[in-house]
Amino acid sequence: MEKVFSKIRDAAIWLLSNKDIDYIFLSLTLENNRGANIFKQAPIRSKLIIITPENSFIRQVCSQANVPFVVKPIEAKNINQQIEVADNPMSLKPNIPGMVRRLFSHYLPEEKEFLVEAEHKLLTIKLEQVCYFQRFDDHIRVVDLSGNVYTIRRPFEALIADLEEEALFQPHEDYLVANDAVGKHISVDQDFIVLKSPSVRIPLSASGKTNSLEAGIIDSTTQN
């Protein structure tokens, strides 16, 4: 028996009441996490195969999580190949939680690469390209060293947790700044950190000064 759902809610209700499922083919796009939201609403216990448009980020996420995937346009031979992968007892066990975490974080820690939005398009940028992150109510602004602006739609606290081992610091609770950018472009001016490229002032809070000192960005002789 085959069931097709166009709405995540309907699919989730059906999955919650039906356990004997051989395969789940999930059509996945990253705009607004369409498709991926199923993981928040129902457990996935069956063999999973992702159907996706051409997207290097999704392909990397699936490959790293050992989850079979098929790139659109769909061909029967490709579906059959991935079913064989899913059925093969020698295949590595899929890491569904790891895949879901990366899909919602839009971050690949192995490559230190982000999936970002720009002019209604999804792009990937490397962490080394980022100058700073800025928190807004419903998104995070990402500004690279050339002044280009991108958007990530996820909680700021989750971003900080993902990057806690990286060379970044918080001059203010709403900003996360790359240490490399600081060394090249930033000086301290009273209660602001001044970025020379791109040209912007970032507020420096009391806790931010402590963070800056700990990161070696400023010292007591450069504070006013």
Protein backbone atom coordinates (compact mmCIF):
# COMPACT_ATOMS: atom_id res chain seq x y z
CA MET A 1 0.00 0.00 0.00
CA GLU A 2 1.25 3.47 -0.88
CA LYS A 3 0.26 6.69 0.88
CA VAL A 4 1.10 10.16 -0.42
CA PHE A 5 0.76 13.32 1.69
CA SER A 6 1.11 16.92 0.62
CA LYS A 7 0.85 18.29 4.18
CA ILE A 8 3.30 17.52 6.98
CA ARG A 9 0.54 17.49 9.60
CA ASP A 10 -1.43 14.79 7.74
CA ALA A 11 1.69 12.67 7.27
CA ALA A 12 2.61 13.02 10.95
CA ILE A 13 -0.85 11.93 12.13
CA TRP A 14 -0.72 8.89 9.86
CA LEU A 15 2.82 7.96 10.95
CA LEU A 16 1.84 8.17 14.61
CA SER A 17 -0.92 5.62 14.10
CA ASN A 18 0.86 3.28 11.65
CA LYS A 19 4.07 1.49 12.61
CA ASP A 20 4.37 -1.19 9.89
CA ILE A 21 5.93 0.98 7.19
CA ASP A 22 8.67 -0.26 4.90
CA TYR A 23 9.96 2.98 3.40
CA ILE A 24 9.42 6.69 3.79
CA PHE A 25 10.24 8.88 0.79
CA LEU A 26 10.57 12.43 2.09
CA SER A 27 10.59 15.33 -0.35
CA LEU A 28 12.88 17.88 1.24
CA THR A 29 13.61 21.53 0.56
CA LEU A 30 15.35 23.90 2.94
CA GLU A 31 13.25 27.02 2.42
CA ASN A 32 11.31 27.25 5.71
CA ASN A 33 12.53 23.69 6.44
CA ARG A 34 9.74 22.25 4.31
CA GLY A 35 9.71 18.48 4.68
CA ALA A 36 12.16 18.49 7.59
CA ASN A 37 9.41 19.62 9.96
CA ILE A 38 8.07 16.05 9.91
CA PHE A 39 10.86 15.13 12.34
CA LYS A 40 9.39 17.51 14.93
CA GLN A 41 5.93 15.97 14.69
CA ALA A 42 6.37 12.21 14.35
CA PRO A 43 9.02 9.53 14.99
CA ILE A 44 10.72 8.10 11.91
CA ARG A 45 11.19 4.38 12.52
CA SER A 46 11.12 3.15 8.92
CA LYS A 47 13.79 3.16 6.24
CA LEU A 48 14.13 6.72 5.03
CA ILE A 49 15.02 7.96 1.55
CA ILE A 50 15.29 11.70 0.92
CA ILE A 51 14.00 13.23 -2.31
CA THR A 52 15.66 16.58 -2.92
CA PRO A 53 16.31 19.16 -5.62
CA GLU A 54 19.97 19.63 -6.52
CA ASN A 55 21.48 21.10 -3.36
CA SER A 56 25.04 20.47 -2.23
CA PHE A 57 24.19 21.18 1.40
CA ILE A 58 21.45 18.53 1.58
CA ARG A 59 23.64 16.05 -0.27
CA GLN A 60 26.46 16.56 2.23
CA VAL A 61 24.08 16.28 5.19
CA CYS A 62 22.59 13.02 3.88
CA SER A 63 25.99 11.57 2.98
CA GLN A 64 27.45 12.34 6.41
CA ALA A 65 24.39 10.83 8.11
CA ASN A 66 24.39 7.72 5.85
CA VAL A 67 20.85 8.49 4.69
CA PRO A 68 20.03 7.45 1.09
CA PHE A 69 18.87 10.28 -1.16
CA VAL A 70 17.65 10.84 -4.71
CA VAL A 71 18.12 14.11 -6.58
CA LYS A 72 15.25 15.43 -8.71
CA PRO A 73 14.22 14.85 -11.46
CA ILE A 74 13.41 11.38 -10.17
CA GLU A 75 14.25 8.30 -12.22
CA ALA A 76 13.06 4.81 -11.30
CA LYS A 77 16.57 3.36 -11.48
CA ASN A 78 17.82 5.89 -8.93
CA ILE A 79 14.97 5.08 -6.56
CA ASN A 80 15.70 1.37 -6.88
CA GLN A 81 19.39 1.94 -6.22
CA GLN A 82 18.67 3.81 -2.99
CA ILE A 83 16.16 1.18 -1.86
CA GLU A 84 18.95 -1.38 -2.27
CA VAL A 85 21.22 0.82 -0.15
CA ALA A 86 18.54 1.13 2.53
CA ASP A 87 17.97 -2.64 2.50
CA ASN A 88 21.65 -3.60 2.53
CA PRO A 89 22.52 -4.97 5.99
CA MET A 90 26.15 -3.99 5.35
CA SER A 91 25.26 -0.31 4.93
CA LEU A 92 26.21 2.02 7.76
CA LYS A 93 23.38 2.76 10.17
CA PRO A 94 21.64 6.05 9.29
CA ASN A 95 22.18 8.84 11.79
CA ILE A 96 18.72 10.42 11.59
CA PRO A 97 19.17 12.68 14.67
CA GLY A 98 22.45 13.98 13.25
CA MET A 99 20.85 14.68 9.89
CA VAL A 100 17.92 16.50 11.50
CA ARG A 101 20.23 18.59 13.67
CA ARG A 102 22.19 19.77 10.64
CA LEU A 103 19.08 20.42 8.56
CA PHE A 104 17.63 22.72 11.21
CA SER A 105 20.92 24.34 12.17
CA HIS A 106 21.90 24.94 8.53
CA TYR A 107 25.48 24.27 9.63
CA LEU A 108 28.00 21.59 8.68
CA PRO A 109 30.58 21.50 11.49
CA GLU A 110 32.93 19.20 9.56
CA GLU A 111 33.23 21.71 6.71
CA LYS A 112 32.53 24.76 8.91
CA GLU A 113 30.00 25.79 6.30
CA PHE A 114 26.65 27.56 6.65
CA LEU A 115 23.56 27.50 4.52
CA VAL A 116 22.35 31.10 4.25
CA GLU A 117 19.69 33.10 2.42
CA ALA A 118 20.42 36.02 0.12
CA GLU A 119 17.85 37.63 -2.16
CA HIS A 120 15.50 34.65 -1.72
CA LYS A 121 18.21 32.19 -2.74
CA LEU A 122 20.04 29.62 -0.63
CA LEU A 123 23.83 29.80 -0.69
CA THR A 124 26.67 28.30 1.32
CA ILE A 125 29.45 30.29 2.96
CA LYS A 126 32.44 29.23 5.02
CA LEU A 127 32.82 30.28 8.63
CA GLU A 128 36.19 31.81 7.72
CA GLN A 129 34.35 34.28 5.46
CA VAL A 130 32.16 35.59 8.29
CA CYS A 131 32.90 38.90 9.98
CA TYR A 132 30.02 38.84 12.46
CA PHE A 133 26.57 37.47 13.30
CA GLN A 134 23.79 39.73 14.61
CA ARG A 135 20.63 38.61 16.40
CA PHE A 136 17.18 39.80 15.28
CA ASP A 137 13.73 38.71 16.47
CA ASP A 138 13.11 36.13 13.75
CA HIS A 139 16.49 35.60 12.12
CA ILE A 140 20.25 36.07 12.34
CA ARG A 141 22.06 38.51 10.08
CA VAL A 142 25.39 37.26 8.77
CA VAL A 143 27.89 39.81 7.43
CA ASP A 144 31.00 38.60 5.66
CA LEU A 145 34.39 40.32 5.40
CA SER A 146 33.37 41.95 2.12
CA GLY A 147 30.23 43.46 3.65
CA ASN A 148 27.79 41.05 1.99
CA VAL A 149 24.70 40.38 4.10
CA TYR A 150 22.97 37.01 4.50
CA THR A 151 20.24 35.53 6.69
CA ILE A 152 20.07 32.41 8.85
CA ARG A 153 16.72 31.47 10.38
CA ARG A 154 17.49 29.77 13.68
CA PRO A 155 17.80 30.68 17.38
CA PHE A 156 20.85 32.79 18.20
CA GLU A 157 21.57 30.71 21.32
CA ALA A 158 21.76 27.57 19.17
CA LEU A 159 24.25 29.28 16.86
CA ILE A 160 26.43 30.22 19.83
CA ALA A 161 26.31 26.62 21.08
CA ASP A 162 27.37 25.32 17.65
CA LEU A 163 30.30 27.73 17.50
CA GLU A 164 31.49 27.68 21.11
CA GLU A 165 34.77 26.00 20.13
CA GLU A 166 35.45 28.41 17.27
CA ALA A 167 37.50 31.62 17.28
CA LEU A 168 34.64 34.04 17.92
CA PHE A 169 33.66 36.27 20.82
CA GLN A 170 30.61 38.23 22.00
CA PRO A 171 31.17 41.98 22.40
CA HIS A 172 27.42 42.27 23.06
CA GLU A 173 24.61 39.77 23.70
CA ASP A 174 23.24 40.36 20.19
CA TYR A 175 26.54 39.95 18.32
CA LEU A 176 29.05 37.21 17.66
CA VAL A 177 32.26 38.42 16.01
CA ALA A 178 35.07 36.46 14.38
CA ASN A 179 38.45 36.85 16.07
CA ASP A 180 40.23 36.89 12.71
CA ALA A 181 38.11 39.80 11.58
CA VAL A 182 38.92 41.60 14.81
CA GLY A 183 42.64 41.29 14.35
CA LYS A 184 42.48 42.76 10.87
CA HIS A 185 39.64 45.22 11.04
CA ILE A 186 38.61 46.18 14.57
CA SER A 187 39.73 48.78 17.08
CA VAL A 188 38.12 49.82 20.36
CA ASP A 189 36.40 53.20 20.70
CA GLN A 190 34.78 53.82 24.08
CA ASP A 191 31.71 51.58 24.30
CA PHE A 192 31.81 50.42 20.70
CA ILE A 193 33.92 48.09 18.64
CA VAL A 194 34.52 49.77 15.30
CA LEU A 195 34.70 47.57 12.24
CA LYS A 196 36.74 49.19 9.53
CA SER A 197 35.58 46.78 6.82
CA PRO A 198 32.63 46.62 6.63
CA SER A 199 32.17 49.99 8.29
CA VAL A 200 29.88 49.51 11.28
CA ARG A 201 29.88 50.13 15.02
CA ILE A 202 29.07 47.21 17.30
CA PRO A 203 28.10 48.00 20.90
CA LEU A 204 30.51 46.80 23.55
CA SER A 205 28.67 45.84 26.73
CA ALA A 206 30.25 45.32 30.14
CA SER A 207 30.17 41.55 29.68
CA GLY A 208 31.36 42.09 26.12
CA LYS A 209 34.48 43.86 27.38
CA THR A 210 35.18 40.86 29.58
CA ASN A 211 34.68 38.53 26.62
CA SER A 212 36.95 40.74 24.52
CA LEU A 213 39.67 40.66 27.15
CA GLU A 214 39.41 36.88 27.49
CA ALA A 215 39.62 36.49 23.71
CA GLY A 216 42.71 38.70 23.61
CA ILE A 217 40.93 41.22 21.40
CA ILE A 218 41.52 44.20 23.70
CA ASP A 219 43.50 44.72 26.86
CA SER A 220 43.27 47.15 29.73
CA THR A 221 45.47 49.68 27.95
CA THR A 222 43.05 50.00 25.02
CA GLN A 223 39.89 50.46 27.07
CA ASN A 224 38.53 53.94 27.74
